[in-house]
């Protein structure tokens, strides 16, 4: 007998080429889990519309993001990759789930409030308010049991659990109540100390060339009290030290001691860190170069993933229809 693998659904909005924050906060976790779990990876192109209805760049951004997924080590033979918009059952299940949650509950979502504040949004759209309901449909359509997320997404997972529980109680048990799985490095600060974001321009892309990485790292902010070599530093508030913790763990004790004593200057520390990042990303850059030259293979990977995802989605909706007595 073979043991059934627990199911993971995870995805990203298509924003183009990915950066270190995506690698550390999600991709490494996805790759590590794909042999232990049955993973499904969603290109969340409908979700992209919740904050920007312009669809001009979505096809190109989806392709670039998929190439980064594959380059980071996602094995499409194990983990189907697919576009949300190509599996119409996402929309239907979203509609049905929207009948099971109040608007006041969605308005209390702290992640929504944070997005509205950070993006300076005037007037939240119906689709943006219902973002976590569509996310619940994404997860539960594949009966996801584990959801790898950052801390900011925890309120959305709780809403998914509430919707699954409400559906099971109202009709018939169809859905599991998924659990969130956080990574150790669920967030990595941007080069300016703020949250890493391409729109802010504080990122290192997975596709950046070595000289670009070194140039970007030279501009990274450090401890403002450590102005020159010889000044004692405070590594725990320095984002470069946070990068060392991720990409250069073996030297962390030595770097901490050198920073605190003042014997290690920021210029040398940044260059050392940049070189370790360059080395860590080398296999990803190599695989990306391959996929960029083999576009037809990328298209077939996507088409195969969508065929496999559609079969699962159709089976789930058959259960939903039977439980509700409709359809």
Protein backbone atom coordinates (compact mmCIF):
# COMPACT_ATOMS: atom_id res chain seq x y z
CA UNK A 1 0.00 0.00 0.00
CA UNK A 2 1.14 3.55 -0.73
CA UNK A 3 0.60 6.31 1.81
CA UNK A 4 -1.44 9.23 0.49
CA UNK A 5 0.53 12.44 0.42
CA UNK A 6 -1.00 15.44 2.12
CA UNK A 7 -1.91 18.24 -0.27
CA UNK A 8 -0.33 21.70 -0.49
CA UNK A 9 -1.67 24.56 -2.58
CA UNK A 10 0.55 27.59 -2.94
CA UNK A 11 0.81 30.37 -5.46
CA UNK A 12 1.89 33.90 -6.31
CA UNK A 13 0.47 36.81 -8.19
CA UNK A 14 2.32 37.23 -11.52
CA UNK A 15 4.58 40.23 -11.04
CA UNK A 16 7.39 39.21 -13.40
CA UNK A 17 10.87 38.17 -12.34
CA UNK A 18 11.16 37.16 -8.69
CA UNK A 19 13.57 38.38 -6.02
CA UNK A 20 15.35 37.06 -2.94
CA UNK A 21 12.29 37.64 -0.79
CA UNK A 22 10.31 35.22 -2.94
CA UNK A 23 13.12 32.67 -2.80
CA UNK A 24 13.54 32.81 0.96
CA UNK A 25 9.90 33.33 1.88
CA UNK A 26 8.35 30.77 -0.46
CA UNK A 27 10.30 29.02 -3.20
CA UNK A 28 12.84 27.25 -1.03
CA UNK A 29 10.02 25.90 1.07
CA UNK A 30 8.07 24.76 -1.99
CA UNK A 31 11.07 22.91 -3.38
CA UNK A 32 11.83 21.24 -0.04
CA UNK A 33 8.25 20.06 0.39
CA UNK A 34 7.51 18.76 -3.11
CA UNK A 35 8.78 15.23 -2.45
CA UNK A 36 6.96 14.88 0.86
CA UNK A 37 3.62 16.40 -0.19
CA UNK A 38 1.43 16.61 -3.27
CA UNK A 39 1.98 20.21 -4.30
CA UNK A 40 -0.05 22.40 -6.64
CA UNK A 41 1.38 25.76 -7.70
CA UNK A 42 -0.96 28.51 -8.82
CA UNK A 43 -0.16 31.49 -11.04
CA UNK A 44 -2.73 33.76 -9.41
CA UNK A 45 -3.61 35.97 -12.37
CA UNK A 46 -7.14 36.68 -11.10
CA UNK A 47 -5.69 37.82 -7.78
CA UNK A 48 -3.46 40.26 -9.66
CA UNK A 49 -6.59 42.16 -10.69
CA UNK A 50 -7.65 42.88 -7.12
CA UNK A 51 -5.26 45.83 -6.84
CA UNK A 52 -4.71 46.62 -10.54
CA UNK A 53 -7.25 45.83 -13.27
CA UNK A 54 -4.70 46.38 -16.06
CA UNK A 55 -4.02 43.00 -17.73
CA UNK A 56 -1.40 44.21 -20.22
CA UNK A 57 1.63 42.67 -18.53
CA UNK A 58 0.04 39.58 -16.99
CA UNK A 59 1.01 37.11 -19.78
CA UNK A 60 4.67 38.16 -19.81
CA UNK A 61 4.83 38.40 -16.03
CA UNK A 62 3.30 34.93 -15.70
CA UNK A 63 5.92 33.48 -18.01
CA UNK A 64 8.82 35.16 -16.20
CA UNK A 65 7.53 34.02 -12.83
CA UNK A 66 7.05 30.45 -14.03
CA UNK A 67 10.61 30.37 -15.37
CA UNK A 68 11.86 31.50 -11.96
CA UNK A 69 9.83 28.76 -10.28
CA UNK A 70 11.34 26.12 -12.53
CA UNK A 71 14.81 27.61 -12.16
CA UNK A 72 14.53 27.55 -8.37
CA UNK A 73 13.87 23.80 -8.48
CA UNK A 74 10.12 23.28 -8.82
CA UNK A 75 9.69 19.90 -10.53
CA UNK A 76 6.54 20.12 -12.69
CA UNK A 77 6.32 16.33 -12.94
CA UNK A 78 5.72 16.27 -9.18
CA UNK A 79 3.96 19.60 -8.73
CA UNK A 80 1.54 20.82 -11.43
CA UNK A 81 1.93 24.51 -12.28
CA UNK A 82 -1.06 26.32 -13.76
CA UNK A 83 -2.85 29.61 -14.33
CA UNK A 84 -5.81 30.34 -12.09
CA UNK A 85 -7.80 31.83 -14.96
CA UNK A 86 -7.55 28.62 -17.00
CA UNK A 87 -9.34 26.55 -14.34
CA UNK A 88 -12.88 27.93 -14.34
CA UNK A 89 -13.86 25.98 -11.22
CA UNK A 90 -11.92 28.56 -9.17
CA UNK A 91 -14.51 31.18 -10.11
CA UNK A 92 -17.49 28.95 -9.40
CA UNK A 93 -16.27 27.83 -6.00
CA UNK A 94 -15.41 31.44 -5.14
CA UNK A 95 -19.01 32.40 -5.91
CA UNK A 96 -20.44 29.63 -3.73
CA UNK A 97 -18.08 30.41 -0.85
CA UNK A 98 -19.03 34.10 -1.01
CA UNK A 99 -22.48 33.08 0.24
CA UNK A 100 -20.96 31.66 3.43
CA UNK A 101 -19.15 34.70 4.84
CA UNK A 102 -20.30 38.19 5.78
CA UNK A 103 -18.86 41.41 4.39
CA UNK A 104 -18.25 42.62 7.95
CA UNK A 105 -16.01 39.60 8.59
CA UNK A 106 -13.98 40.41 5.49
CA UNK A 107 -13.72 44.06 6.45
CA UNK A 108 -12.06 43.04 9.74
CA UNK A 109 -9.25 41.29 7.84
CA UNK A 110 -6.00 42.94 9.07
CA UNK A 111 -4.10 41.96 5.91
CA UNK A 112 -6.60 43.90 3.81
CA UNK A 113 -6.22 46.94 6.03
CA UNK A 114 -2.43 46.72 5.69
CA UNK A 115 -2.64 46.50 1.89
CA UNK A 116 -4.98 49.48 1.67
CA UNK A 117 -2.61 51.50 3.84
CA UNK A 118 0.62 50.47 2.09
CA UNK A 119 -0.76 50.83 -1.44
CA UNK A 120 -2.68 54.02 -0.54
CA UNK A 121 -5.85 52.62 -2.08
CA UNK A 122 -8.89 54.89 -2.22
CA UNK A 123 -12.05 52.81 -2.32
CA UNK A 124 -11.68 49.06 -1.88
CA UNK A 125 -13.25 47.10 -4.74
CA UNK A 126 -15.65 44.20 -4.23
CA UNK A 127 -12.99 41.88 -5.66
CA UNK A 128 -10.29 43.16 -3.33
CA UNK A 129 -12.55 42.77 -0.30
CA UNK A 130 -13.28 39.19 -1.39
CA UNK A 131 -9.63 38.35 -2.07
CA UNK A 132 -9.43 35.82 0.81
CA UNK A 133 -12.64 34.13 -0.38
CA UNK A 134 -11.10 33.52 -3.79
CA UNK A 135 -7.96 32.35 -2.00
CA UNK A 136 -10.08 29.91 0.02
CA UNK A 137 -11.51 28.57 -3.24
CA UNK A 138 -7.98 28.19 -4.64
CA UNK A 139 -6.86 26.15 -1.65
CA UNK A 140 -9.95 24.04 -1.09
CA UNK A 141 -10.56 23.24 -4.76
CA UNK A 142 -7.53 20.93 -4.46
CA UNK A 143 -8.39 20.02 -0.86
CA UNK A 144 -5.25 21.69 0.39
CA UNK A 145 -4.25 20.65 3.88
CA UNK A 146 -1.02 22.65 4.26
CA UNK A 147 -0.48 26.21 2.99
CA UNK A 148 3.07 27.64 3.04
CA UNK A 149 2.66 31.36 3.72
CA UNK A 150 4.28 34.40 5.25
CA UNK A 151 3.02 35.80 8.51
CA UNK A 152 0.96 38.45 6.72
CA UNK A 153 -1.20 35.75 5.12
CA UNK A 154 -2.20 34.01 8.36
CA UNK A 155 -5.53 35.91 8.60
CA UNK A 156 -6.43 34.65 5.12
CA UNK A 157 -5.79 31.05 6.14
CA UNK A 158 -8.05 31.50 9.13
CA UNK A 159 -10.82 32.73 6.82
CA UNK A 160 -10.27 29.64 4.65
CA UNK A 161 -10.67 27.43 7.71
CA UNK A 162 -13.88 29.23 8.67
CA UNK A 163 -15.34 28.82 5.19
CA UNK A 164 -14.44 25.11 5.03
CA UNK A 165 -16.01 24.57 8.44
CA UNK A 166 -19.17 26.47 7.47
CA UNK A 167 -19.58 24.54 4.21
CA UNK A 168 -19.07 21.18 5.93
CA UNK A 169 -21.62 22.04 8.60
CA UNK A 170 -24.17 23.56 6.21
CA UNK A 171 -24.08 20.80 3.59
CA UNK A 172 -21.77 17.81 3.88
CA UNK A 173 -18.14 17.29 4.79
CA UNK A 174 -16.14 17.88 1.62
CA UNK A 175 -13.22 20.07 2.64
CA UNK A 176 -10.32 19.81 5.11
CA UNK A 177 -9.45 22.76 7.36
CA UNK A 178 -5.97 23.68 6.12
CA UNK A 179 -3.04 24.58 8.32
CA UNK A 180 -0.51 27.33 7.66
CA UNK A 181 3.17 26.47 7.44
CA UNK A 182 5.63 29.30 8.10
CA UNK A 183 9.27 29.24 7.06
CA UNK A 184 12.15 30.25 9.33
CA UNK A 185 12.95 33.16 7.01
CA UNK A 186 9.36 34.14 6.24
CA UNK A 187 10.56 37.67 5.45
CA UNK A 188 13.84 39.13 4.23
CA UNK A 189 14.25 42.91 4.35
CA UNK A 190 14.89 44.92 1.22
CA UNK A 191 18.17 46.69 0.58
CA UNK A 192 16.80 49.85 2.19
CA UNK A 193 15.54 48.04 5.29
CA UNK A 194 11.90 48.17 4.24
CA UNK A 195 9.81 45.28 2.99
CA UNK A 196 11.35 43.89 -0.20
CA UNK A 197 9.38 45.06 -3.24
CA UNK A 198 10.22 45.62 -6.90
CA UNK A 199 7.97 48.67 -6.96
CA UNK A 200 10.21 50.27 -4.32
CA UNK A 201 13.41 49.20 -6.12
CA UNK A 202 15.05 47.56 -3.10
CA UNK A 203 15.39 44.00 -4.39
CA UNK A 204 17.96 41.56 -5.68
CA UNK A 205 16.36 39.55 -8.49
CA UNK A 206 17.02 35.84 -8.86
CA UNK A 207 18.04 36.61 -12.45
CA UNK A 208 20.47 39.44 -11.59
CA UNK A 209 24.00 39.03 -12.92
CA UNK A 210 26.89 38.83 -10.42
CA UNK A 211 28.10 42.39 -11.02
CA UNK A 212 24.55 43.70 -10.60
CA UNK A 213 24.24 41.90 -7.26
CA UNK A 214 27.52 43.35 -6.04
CA UNK A 215 26.51 46.85 -7.17
CA UNK A 216 23.16 46.61 -5.40
CA UNK A 217 24.73 45.31 -2.19
CA UNK A 218 27.12 48.25 -2.05
CA UNK A 219 24.05 50.50 -1.62
CA UNK A 220 22.49 48.41 1.15
CA UNK A 221 21.80 50.29 4.37
CA UNK A 222 23.68 49.27 7.52
CA UNK A 223 23.84 50.32 11.16
CA UNK A 224 23.66 54.16 11.03
CA UNK A 225 26.01 54.40 14.02
CA UNK A 226 28.76 52.47 12.21
CA UNK A 227 30.03 55.18 9.90
CA UNK A 228 33.57 53.95 9.23
CA UNK A 229 35.76 50.93 9.85
CA UNK A 230 36.79 50.92 13.48
CA UNK A 231 33.38 52.00 14.75
CA UNK A 232 31.65 49.24 16.74
CA UNK A 233 28.51 48.00 15.01
CA UNK A 234 25.21 46.41 16.00
CA UNK A 235 24.77 43.42 13.67
CA UNK A 236 21.30 42.56 14.91
CA UNK A 237 19.85 45.74 13.39
CA UNK A 238 21.88 45.51 10.15
CA UNK A 239 20.11 44.02 7.13
CA UNK A 240 23.44 42.89 5.64
CA UNK A 241 23.92 40.72 8.71
CA UNK A 242 20.41 39.31 8.13
CA UNK A 243 21.54 38.35 4.62
CA UNK A 244 24.68 36.71 6.08
CA UNK A 245 22.41 34.69 8.38
CA UNK A 246 20.70 33.28 5.32
CA UNK A 247 23.45 32.96 2.72
CA UNK A 248 26.64 32.72 4.80
CA UNK A 249 25.81 30.99 8.06
CA UNK A 250 29.27 29.47 8.52
CA UNK A 251 30.87 32.90 8.97
CA UNK A 252 28.14 34.47 11.10
CA UNK A 253 29.99 34.20 14.46
CA UNK A 254 33.14 35.70 12.93
CA UNK A 255 31.18 38.50 11.23
CA UNK A 256 29.31 39.31 14.42
CA UNK A 257 32.55 39.57 16.39
CA UNK A 258 34.23 41.68 13.73
CA UNK A 259 31.27 44.04 13.44
CA UNK A 260 30.86 44.51 17.18
CA UNK A 261 34.57 45.13 17.69
CA UNK A 262 34.85 47.46 14.70
CA UNK A 263 37.58 45.41 13.01
CA UNK A 264 35.25 44.54 10.11
CA UNK A 265 34.27 47.41 7.83
CA UNK A 266 30.91 47.60 6.07
CA UNK A 267 32.42 47.72 2.57
CA UNK A 268 34.24 44.40 3.04
CA UNK A 269 31.23 42.91 4.82
CA UNK A 270 28.90 43.82 1.94
CA UNK A 271 31.26 42.44 -0.71
CA UNK A 272 31.61 39.18 1.18
CA UNK A 273 27.85 38.89 1.50
CA UNK A 274 27.33 39.72 -2.18
CA UNK A 275 29.74 37.00 -3.26
CA UNK A 276 27.87 34.40 -1.21
CA UNK A 277 24.57 35.51 -2.76
CA UNK A 278 26.14 35.28 -6.22
CA UNK A 279 27.25 31.72 -5.50
CA UNK A 280 23.87 30.73 -4.05
CA UNK A 281 22.03 32.00 -7.13
CA UNK A 282 24.44 30.51 -9.69
CA UNK A 283 22.44 27.26 -10.22
CA UNK A 284 19.21 29.26 -10.57
CA UNK A 285 20.75 31.57 -13.18
CA UNK A 286 22.04 28.57 -15.11
CA UNK A 287 18.64 26.86 -15.19
CA UNK A 288 16.94 30.14 -16.09
CA UNK A 289 19.21 30.52 -19.12
CA UNK A 290 18.07 27.06 -20.26
CA UNK A 291 14.35 27.77 -19.93
CA UNK A 292 14.69 31.16 -21.63
CA UNK A 293 16.05 29.33 -24.68
CA UNK A 294 13.39 26.59 -24.57
CA UNK A 295 10.11 28.51 -24.58
CA UNK A 296 8.14 25.66 -26.15
CA UNK A 297 9.10 23.40 -23.25
CA UNK A 298 7.86 26.01 -20.76
CA UNK A 299 4.52 26.20 -22.64
CA UNK A 300 4.13 22.42 -22.56
CA UNK A 301 4.93 22.30 -18.84
CA UNK A 302 2.16 24.85 -18.25
CA UNK A 303 -0.32 23.06 -20.50
CA UNK A 304 0.34 19.74 -18.76
CA UNK A 305 -0.07 21.33 -15.32
CA UNK A 306 -3.37 22.87 -16.35
CA UNK A 307 -4.69 19.57 -17.64
CA UNK A 308 -3.84 17.84 -14.36
CA UNK A 309 -5.19 20.66 -12.19
CA UNK A 310 -8.43 20.79 -14.20
CA UNK A 311 -9.08 17.09 -13.58
CA UNK A 312 -8.76 17.55 -9.81
CA UNK A 313 -10.86 20.72 -9.84
CA UNK A 314 -13.66 19.04 -11.80
CA UNK A 315 -13.77 16.11 -9.36
CA UNK A 316 -13.97 18.44 -6.37
CA UNK A 317 -16.81 20.45 -7.89
CA UNK A 318 -18.74 17.24 -8.52
CA UNK A 319 -18.53 16.59 -4.77
CA UNK A 320 -19.59 20.17 -4.05
CA UNK A 321 -22.61 19.91 -6.34
CA UNK A 322 -23.65 16.60 -4.79
CA UNK A 323 -23.28 17.97 -1.25
CA UNK A 324 -25.34 21.06 -2.07
CA UNK A 325 -27.87 19.27 -4.23
CA UNK A 326 -27.35 21.69 -7.14
CA UNK A 327 -25.58 21.72 -10.47
